[in-house]
């Protein structure tokens, strides 16, 4: 993973990690799995393939990712704008599923999450923090899309 110098060294700035398969559940020594991380100051996607010793960047043109999930054998990632992409780990590229125009990040948008519901549906949850003036009165609400 990339290291950044911003006053001090960010040797490992990782905000999220997911596994494609659980290697400890296999009786075989030849199980294939991927480890995918959101890392670095720019919150880019990195992948570590089973058997590999180095991380590889996935589509360096995309960044500011908030969450990543394996869902129905697909690797999905969402950025701060709510753009949902399907990641092809073998070719290290992404395909947009839900497009969002890249604009200035609003102060009130803080986090976007991908969650699998108990019914097996994929949901995107956006945490919105609204500032109600100079008295530091904030409200938090969640917007759910499925």
N, C-alpha and C. Protein backbone atom coordinates (compact mmCIF):
# COMPACT_ATOMS: atom_id res chain seq x y z
N UNK A 1 0.84 -1.18 0.00
CA UNK A 1 0.00 0.00 0.00
C UNK A 1 0.88 1.24 0.00
N UNK A 2 0.33 2.28 -0.55
CA UNK A 2 1.12 3.49 -0.68
C UNK A 2 1.29 4.17 0.67
N UNK A 3 2.43 4.77 0.86
CA UNK A 3 2.69 5.59 2.04
C UNK A 3 2.65 7.05 1.62
N UNK A 4 2.15 7.89 2.47
CA UNK A 4 2.02 9.31 2.17
C UNK A 4 2.74 10.12 3.23
N UNK A 5 3.36 11.19 2.79
CA UNK A 5 4.01 12.10 3.73
C UNK A 5 3.16 13.36 3.80
N UNK A 6 2.49 13.54 4.91
CA UNK A 6 1.70 14.76 5.15
C UNK A 6 2.01 15.25 6.55
N UNK A 7 3.23 15.63 6.77
CA UNK A 7 3.65 16.07 8.10
C UNK A 7 4.18 14.90 8.90
N UNK A 8 3.65 13.73 8.70
CA UNK A 8 4.15 12.50 9.30
C UNK A 8 3.80 11.35 8.35
N UNK A 9 4.36 10.20 8.59
CA UNK A 9 4.23 9.08 7.66
C UNK A 9 2.98 8.26 7.97
N UNK A 10 2.13 8.06 6.96
CA UNK A 10 0.98 7.17 7.07
C UNK A 10 1.42 5.83 6.50
N UNK A 11 2.00 4.98 7.32
CA UNK A 11 2.48 3.72 6.79
C UNK A 11 1.33 2.83 6.37
N UNK A 12 0.32 2.75 7.21
CA UNK A 12 -0.85 1.94 6.89
C UNK A 12 -2.09 2.74 7.26
N UNK A 13 -2.67 3.40 6.31
CA UNK A 13 -3.89 4.17 6.53
C UNK A 13 -5.02 3.40 5.87
N UNK A 14 -5.59 2.43 6.59
CA UNK A 14 -6.61 1.54 6.05
C UNK A 14 -7.93 1.79 6.76
N UNK A 15 -8.98 2.08 5.99
CA UNK A 15 -10.27 2.36 6.62
C UNK A 15 -11.24 1.18 6.54
N UNK A 16 -11.01 0.23 5.61
CA UNK A 16 -11.93 -0.91 5.48
C UNK A 16 -11.19 -2.05 4.79
N UNK A 17 -11.50 -3.29 5.23
CA UNK A 17 -10.91 -4.49 4.65
C UNK A 17 -11.99 -5.56 4.54
N UNK A 18 -12.05 -6.26 3.40
CA UNK A 18 -12.97 -7.38 3.23
C UNK A 18 -12.25 -8.56 2.59
N UNK A 19 -12.74 -9.76 2.89
CA UNK A 19 -12.24 -11.01 2.31
C UNK A 19 -13.28 -11.56 1.35
N UNK A 20 -12.84 -12.11 0.22
CA UNK A 20 -13.78 -12.73 -0.72
C UNK A 20 -14.24 -14.09 -0.21
N UNK A 21 -13.37 -14.84 0.42
CA UNK A 21 -13.67 -16.14 1.01
C UNK A 21 -12.92 -16.24 2.32
N UNK A 22 -13.41 -17.09 3.21
CA UNK A 22 -12.73 -17.30 4.47
C UNK A 22 -11.74 -18.45 4.29
N UNK A 23 -10.43 -18.17 4.25
CA UNK A 23 -9.45 -19.22 4.00
C UNK A 23 -9.40 -20.28 5.10
N UNK A 24 -9.82 -19.96 6.30
CA UNK A 24 -9.77 -20.93 7.39
C UNK A 24 -10.90 -21.96 7.32
N UNK A 25 -11.92 -21.72 6.49
CA UNK A 25 -13.04 -22.67 6.37
C UNK A 25 -12.79 -23.76 5.35
N UNK A 26 -11.69 -23.70 4.64
CA UNK A 26 -11.40 -24.68 3.60
C UNK A 26 -10.47 -25.76 4.13
N UNK A 27 -10.75 -26.99 3.74
CA UNK A 27 -9.86 -28.09 4.11
C UNK A 27 -8.71 -28.20 3.10
N UNK A 28 -8.83 -27.49 2.00
CA UNK A 28 -7.81 -27.52 0.95
C UNK A 28 -6.76 -26.45 1.21
N UNK A 29 -5.53 -26.74 0.82
CA UNK A 29 -4.47 -25.73 0.91
C UNK A 29 -4.48 -24.79 -0.28
N UNK A 30 -5.29 -25.08 -1.29
CA UNK A 30 -5.29 -24.31 -2.52
C UNK A 30 -6.49 -23.38 -2.65
N UNK A 31 -7.02 -22.89 -1.54
CA UNK A 31 -8.18 -21.98 -1.63
C UNK A 31 -7.72 -20.63 -2.16
N UNK A 32 -8.50 -20.09 -3.08
CA UNK A 32 -8.22 -18.77 -3.63
C UNK A 32 -9.10 -17.76 -2.93
N UNK A 33 -8.52 -16.66 -2.56
CA UNK A 33 -9.27 -15.58 -1.93
C UNK A 33 -8.60 -14.26 -2.28
N UNK A 34 -9.35 -13.20 -2.14
CA UNK A 34 -8.83 -11.86 -2.33
C UNK A 34 -9.06 -11.07 -1.05
N UNK A 35 -8.14 -10.22 -0.71
CA UNK A 35 -8.30 -9.26 0.37
C UNK A 35 -8.37 -7.89 -0.31
N UNK A 36 -9.45 -7.16 -0.07
CA UNK A 36 -9.61 -5.84 -0.68
C UNK A 36 -9.67 -4.81 0.44
N UNK A 37 -8.94 -3.72 0.26
CA UNK A 37 -8.88 -2.67 1.28
C UNK A 37 -9.13 -1.31 0.66
N UNK A 38 -9.73 -0.44 1.45
CA UNK A 38 -9.80 0.99 1.13
C UNK A 38 -8.67 1.62 1.93
N UNK A 39 -7.73 2.25 1.23
CA UNK A 39 -6.54 2.71 1.93
C UNK A 39 -6.01 4.03 1.39
N UNK A 40 -5.12 4.59 2.16
CA UNK A 40 -4.43 5.81 1.77
C UNK A 40 -5.24 7.07 2.04
N UNK A 41 -4.57 8.17 1.90
CA UNK A 41 -5.21 9.47 2.10
C UNK A 41 -6.35 9.67 1.10
N UNK A 42 -6.18 9.13 -0.13
CA UNK A 42 -7.20 9.30 -1.16
C UNK A 42 -8.26 8.21 -1.13
N UNK A 43 -8.19 7.28 -0.17
CA UNK A 43 -9.18 6.21 0.03
C UNK A 43 -9.43 5.42 -1.25
N UNK A 44 -8.34 4.91 -1.82
CA UNK A 44 -8.40 4.12 -3.05
C UNK A 44 -8.55 2.64 -2.71
N UNK A 45 -8.89 1.85 -3.74
CA UNK A 45 -9.03 0.40 -3.57
C UNK A 45 -7.72 -0.28 -3.87
N UNK A 46 -7.35 -1.22 -3.02
CA UNK A 46 -6.14 -2.03 -3.19
C UNK A 46 -6.55 -3.49 -3.03
N UNK A 47 -5.85 -4.40 -3.70
CA UNK A 47 -6.17 -5.82 -3.62
C UNK A 47 -4.91 -6.64 -3.34
N UNK A 48 -5.10 -7.67 -2.52
CA UNK A 48 -4.05 -8.65 -2.26
C UNK A 48 -4.62 -10.01 -2.61
N UNK A 49 -4.08 -10.64 -3.64
CA UNK A 49 -4.54 -11.95 -4.08
C UNK A 49 -3.88 -13.03 -3.21
N UNK A 50 -4.57 -14.15 -3.01
CA UNK A 50 -3.98 -15.24 -2.24
C UNK A 50 -2.69 -15.68 -2.91
N UNK A 51 -1.67 -15.88 -2.09
CA UNK A 51 -0.36 -16.27 -2.61
C UNK A 51 0.54 -15.10 -2.96
N UNK A 52 -0.03 -13.90 -3.09
CA UNK A 52 0.76 -12.72 -3.43
C UNK A 52 1.33 -12.08 -2.16
N UNK A 53 2.42 -11.35 -2.33
CA UNK A 53 3.03 -10.66 -1.19
C UNK A 53 2.93 -9.15 -1.32
N UNK A 54 2.35 -8.69 -2.42
CA UNK A 54 2.24 -7.24 -2.63
C UNK A 54 0.80 -6.84 -2.96
N UNK A 55 0.45 -5.66 -2.52
CA UNK A 55 -0.86 -5.07 -2.81
C UNK A 55 -0.81 -4.44 -4.19
N UNK A 56 -1.95 -4.47 -4.90
CA UNK A 56 -2.07 -3.88 -6.23
C UNK A 56 -3.23 -2.90 -6.23
N UNK A 57 -3.03 -1.74 -6.85
CA UNK A 57 -4.10 -0.74 -6.96
C UNK A 57 -5.15 -1.20 -7.96
N UNK A 58 -6.39 -0.86 -7.67
CA UNK A 58 -7.51 -1.12 -8.59
C UNK A 58 -7.98 0.21 -9.13
N UNK A 59 -7.92 0.39 -10.42
CA UNK A 59 -8.42 1.59 -11.12
C UNK A 59 -8.05 2.87 -10.39
N UNK A 60 -6.86 3.34 -10.64
CA UNK A 60 -6.34 4.53 -9.95
C UNK A 60 -7.11 5.80 -10.27
N UNK A 61 -8.01 5.75 -11.25
CA UNK A 61 -8.79 6.95 -11.58
C UNK A 61 -9.94 7.16 -10.60
N UNK A 62 -10.24 6.16 -9.78
CA UNK A 62 -11.34 6.25 -8.81
C UNK A 62 -10.77 6.34 -7.40
N UNK A 63 -11.41 7.17 -6.57
CA UNK A 63 -10.95 7.30 -5.19
C UNK A 63 -12.10 7.76 -4.30
N UNK A 64 -11.79 8.11 -3.09
CA UNK A 64 -12.75 8.55 -2.07
C UNK A 64 -13.80 7.48 -1.76
N UNK A 65 -13.37 6.23 -1.74
CA UNK A 65 -14.30 5.15 -1.42
C UNK A 65 -14.63 5.15 0.07
N UNK A 66 -15.86 4.81 0.37
CA UNK A 66 -16.35 4.77 1.74
C UNK A 66 -16.55 3.36 2.25
N UNK A 67 -16.99 2.46 1.37
CA UNK A 67 -17.28 1.10 1.82
C UNK A 67 -17.09 0.12 0.66
N UNK A 68 -16.88 -1.14 1.01
CA UNK A 68 -16.70 -2.21 0.04
C UNK A 68 -17.33 -3.47 0.63
N UNK A 69 -17.96 -4.29 -0.23
CA UNK A 69 -18.66 -5.48 0.24
C UNK A 69 -18.64 -6.54 -0.85
N UNK A 70 -18.58 -7.81 -0.44
CA UNK A 70 -18.82 -8.90 -1.38
C UNK A 70 -20.29 -9.23 -1.28
N UNK A 71 -21.00 -9.19 -2.40
CA UNK A 71 -22.44 -9.43 -2.42
C UNK A 71 -22.76 -10.26 -3.65
N UNK A 72 -23.37 -11.44 -3.45
CA UNK A 72 -23.71 -12.36 -4.55
C UNK A 72 -22.51 -12.59 -5.49
N UNK A 73 -21.38 -12.90 -4.91
CA UNK A 73 -20.14 -13.18 -5.65
C UNK A 73 -19.63 -11.99 -6.46
N UNK A 74 -20.05 -10.80 -6.11
CA UNK A 74 -19.56 -9.58 -6.75
C UNK A 74 -18.89 -8.71 -5.69
N UNK A 75 -17.81 -8.07 -6.07
CA UNK A 75 -17.16 -7.09 -5.21
C UNK A 75 -17.72 -5.72 -5.58
N UNK A 76 -18.40 -5.08 -4.63
CA UNK A 76 -19.00 -3.77 -4.86
C UNK A 76 -18.36 -2.74 -3.95
N UNK A 77 -18.18 -1.54 -4.46
CA UNK A 77 -17.61 -0.45 -3.66
C UNK A 77 -18.42 0.82 -3.92
N UNK A 78 -18.51 1.67 -2.90
CA UNK A 78 -19.25 2.92 -3.03
C UNK A 78 -18.34 4.06 -2.58
N UNK A 79 -18.41 5.18 -3.33
CA UNK A 79 -17.60 6.33 -2.95
C UNK A 79 -18.44 7.34 -2.19
N UNK A 80 -17.82 8.42 -1.78
CA UNK A 80 -18.49 9.40 -0.92
C UNK A 80 -19.67 10.08 -1.63
N UNK A 81 -19.68 10.05 -2.96
CA UNK A 81 -20.77 10.67 -3.72
C UNK A 81 -21.97 9.73 -3.86
N UNK A 82 -21.80 8.46 -3.50
CA UNK A 82 -22.86 7.48 -3.67
C UNK A 82 -22.76 6.72 -4.99
N UNK A 83 -21.64 6.87 -5.69
CA UNK A 83 -21.42 6.12 -6.93
C UNK A 83 -21.06 4.69 -6.55
N UNK A 84 -21.82 3.72 -7.08
CA UNK A 84 -21.61 2.31 -6.80
C UNK A 84 -20.91 1.67 -7.99
N UNK A 85 -19.81 0.96 -7.72
CA UNK A 85 -19.07 0.30 -8.79
C UNK A 85 -18.92 -1.18 -8.48
N UNK A 86 -18.88 -1.98 -9.55
CA UNK A 86 -18.58 -3.40 -9.46
C UNK A 86 -17.12 -3.56 -9.85
N UNK A 87 -16.35 -4.19 -9.00
CA UNK A 87 -14.92 -4.30 -9.19
C UNK A 87 -14.57 -5.64 -9.80
N UNK A 88 -13.82 -5.61 -10.88
CA UNK A 88 -13.28 -6.83 -11.48
C UNK A 88 -11.87 -6.99 -10.92
N UNK A 89 -11.74 -7.86 -9.91
CA UNK A 89 -10.46 -8.01 -9.21
C UNK A 89 -9.38 -8.59 -10.11
N UNK A 90 -9.76 -9.42 -11.07
CA UNK A 90 -8.76 -10.04 -11.95
C UNK A 90 -8.16 -9.03 -12.92
N UNK A 91 -9.00 -8.15 -13.49
CA UNK A 91 -8.51 -7.16 -14.45
C UNK A 91 -8.21 -5.81 -13.81
N UNK A 92 -8.51 -5.69 -12.52
CA UNK A 92 -8.23 -4.47 -11.74
C UNK A 92 -8.88 -3.22 -12.33
N UNK A 93 -10.17 -3.38 -12.71
CA UNK A 93 -10.91 -2.22 -13.18
C UNK A 93 -12.32 -2.24 -12.57
N UNK A 94 -13.07 -1.17 -12.80
CA UNK A 94 -14.40 -1.01 -12.21
C UNK A 94 -15.42 -0.66 -13.28
N UNK A 95 -16.67 -1.09 -13.03
CA UNK A 95 -17.79 -0.75 -13.89
C UNK A 95 -18.86 -0.07 -13.03
N UNK A 96 -19.30 1.10 -13.45
CA UNK A 96 -20.31 1.83 -12.69
C UNK A 96 -21.65 1.12 -12.74
N UNK A 97 -22.28 0.96 -11.58
CA UNK A 97 -23.63 0.41 -11.50
C UNK A 97 -24.62 1.53 -11.21
N UNK A 98 -24.29 2.37 -10.24
CA UNK A 98 -25.08 3.56 -9.94
C UNK A 98 -24.18 4.75 -10.14
N UNK A 99 -24.52 5.59 -11.09
CA UNK A 99 -23.69 6.75 -11.42
C UNK A 99 -24.09 7.95 -10.57
N UNK A 100 -23.13 8.69 -10.13
CA UNK A 100 -23.35 9.95 -9.44
C UNK A 100 -22.31 10.92 -9.99
N UNK A 101 -22.76 12.12 -10.24
CA UNK A 101 -21.85 13.15 -10.74
C UNK A 101 -20.93 13.59 -9.60
N UNK A 102 -19.67 13.73 -9.91
CA UNK A 102 -18.70 14.15 -8.91
C UNK A 102 -18.79 15.65 -8.73
N UNK A 103 -19.19 16.08 -7.56
CA UNK A 103 -19.34 17.50 -7.26
C UNK A 103 -18.57 17.78 -5.98
N UNK A 104 -18.61 19.02 -5.54
CA UNK A 104 -17.99 19.35 -4.26
C UNK A 104 -18.69 18.52 -3.18
N UNK A 105 -17.92 18.00 -2.26
CA UNK A 105 -18.49 17.17 -1.20
C UNK A 105 -19.20 18.08 -0.21
N UNK A 106 -20.51 17.89 -0.05
CA UNK A 106 -21.24 18.74 0.89
C UNK A 106 -20.77 18.51 2.33
N UNK A 107 -20.80 19.56 3.13
CA UNK A 107 -20.39 19.43 4.54
C UNK A 107 -21.26 18.44 5.29
N UNK A 108 -22.52 18.34 4.88
CA UNK A 108 -23.45 17.51 5.64
C UNK A 108 -23.35 16.03 5.31
N UNK A 109 -22.66 15.67 4.25
CA UNK A 109 -22.54 14.25 3.91
C UNK A 109 -21.28 13.70 4.55
N UNK A 110 -21.44 12.72 5.40
CA UNK A 110 -20.29 12.21 6.12
C UNK A 110 -19.92 10.77 5.75
N UNK A 111 -20.89 9.89 5.55
CA UNK A 111 -20.55 8.49 5.34
C UNK A 111 -21.57 7.80 4.46
N UNK A 112 -21.10 6.81 3.70
CA UNK A 112 -21.95 5.96 2.88
C UNK A 112 -21.56 4.52 3.19
N UNK A 113 -22.56 3.66 3.42
CA UNK A 113 -22.31 2.27 3.78
C UNK A 113 -23.07 1.34 2.86
N UNK A 114 -22.51 0.15 2.61
CA UNK A 114 -23.19 -0.92 1.89
C UNK A 114 -23.49 -2.03 2.89
N UNK A 115 -24.75 -2.47 2.93
CA UNK A 115 -25.19 -3.45 3.91
C UNK A 115 -26.06 -4.50 3.23
N UNK A 116 -25.87 -5.76 3.60
CA UNK A 116 -26.75 -6.82 3.14
C UNK A 116 -27.81 -7.02 4.22
N UNK A 117 -29.09 -6.89 3.83
CA UNK A 117 -30.18 -7.01 4.80
C UNK A 117 -30.41 -8.47 5.17
N UNK A 118 -31.20 -8.70 6.19
CA UNK A 118 -31.51 -10.08 6.61
C UNK A 118 -32.31 -10.81 5.54
N UNK A 119 -32.96 -10.08 4.62
CA UNK A 119 -33.67 -10.69 3.49
C UNK A 119 -32.76 -10.92 2.30
N UNK A 120 -31.49 -10.53 2.41
CA UNK A 120 -30.54 -10.75 1.34
C UNK A 120 -30.46 -9.62 0.33
N UNK A 121 -31.11 -8.49 0.61
CA UNK A 121 -31.08 -7.34 -0.30
C UNK A 121 -29.89 -6.45 0.03
N UNK A 122 -29.33 -5.84 -1.02
CA UNK A 122 -28.26 -4.88 -0.84
C UNK A 122 -28.86 -3.51 -0.59
N UNK A 123 -28.37 -2.84 0.45
CA UNK A 123 -28.85 -1.49 0.77
C UNK A 123 -27.66 -0.55 0.84
N UNK A 124 -27.88 0.68 0.38
CA UNK A 124 -26.90 1.74 0.53
C UNK A 124 -27.45 2.70 1.58
N UNK A 125 -26.70 2.91 2.64
CA UNK A 125 -27.14 3.79 3.71
C UNK A 125 -26.22 5.00 3.73
N UNK A 126 -26.84 6.17 3.64
CA UNK A 126 -26.08 7.43 3.66
C UNK A 126 -26.36 8.13 4.98
N UNK A 127 -25.32 8.37 5.76
CA UNK A 127 -25.47 9.12 7.00
C UNK A 127 -25.34 10.59 6.68
N UNK A 128 -26.33 11.35 7.05
CA UNK A 128 -26.37 12.78 6.75
C UNK A 128 -26.38 13.55 8.06
N UNK A 129 -25.44 14.45 8.20
CA UNK A 129 -25.38 15.29 9.39
C UNK A 129 -25.69 16.70 8.94
N UNK A 130 -26.73 17.27 9.52
CA UNK A 130 -27.15 18.62 9.13
C UNK A 130 -26.81 19.61 10.23
N UNK A 131 -26.26 20.72 9.83
CA UNK A 131 -25.89 21.80 10.74
C UNK A 131 -27.05 22.79 10.77
N UNK A 132 -27.58 23.06 11.96
CA UNK A 132 -28.74 23.95 12.08
C UNK A 132 -28.36 25.34 12.56
N UNK A 133 -27.19 25.79 12.23
CA UNK A 133 -26.81 27.15 12.58
C UNK A 133 -25.54 27.21 13.39
N UNK A 134 -25.30 28.39 13.94
CA UNK A 134 -24.05 28.63 14.65
C UNK A 134 -24.05 28.11 16.08
N UNK A 135 -25.16 27.61 16.57
CA UNK A 135 -25.22 27.13 17.95
C UNK A 135 -24.77 25.67 18.07
N UNK A 136 -24.18 25.14 17.01
CA UNK A 136 -23.68 23.76 16.99
C UNK A 136 -24.78 22.75 17.27
N UNK A 137 -25.96 23.03 16.77
CA UNK A 137 -27.08 22.11 16.90
C UNK A 137 -27.12 21.27 15.63
N UNK A 138 -26.82 19.97 15.75
CA UNK A 138 -26.76 19.08 14.62
C UNK A 138 -27.84 18.01 14.72
N UNK A 139 -28.28 17.52 13.59
CA UNK A 139 -29.15 16.35 13.59
C UNK A 139 -28.55 15.33 12.63
N UNK A 140 -28.73 14.07 12.96
CA UNK A 140 -28.22 12.98 12.14
C UNK A 140 -29.39 12.16 11.65
N UNK A 141 -29.41 11.89 10.36
CA UNK A 141 -30.44 11.02 9.80
C UNK A 141 -29.79 10.10 8.79
N UNK A 142 -30.43 8.97 8.56
CA UNK A 142 -29.93 8.00 7.61
C UNK A 142 -30.90 7.89 6.47
N UNK A 143 -30.38 7.84 5.24
CA UNK A 143 -31.19 7.66 4.04
C UNK A 143 -30.84 6.30 3.47
N UNK A 144 -31.84 5.44 3.29
CA UNK A 144 -31.61 4.07 2.84
C UNK A 144 -32.13 3.91 1.42
N UNK A 145 -31.28 3.37 0.54
CA UNK A 145 -31.67 3.03 -0.82
C UNK A 145 -31.44 1.54 -1.01
N UNK A 146 -32.38 0.88 -1.67
CA UNK A 146 -32.17 -0.55 -1.93
C UNK A 146 -32.30 -0.84 -3.40
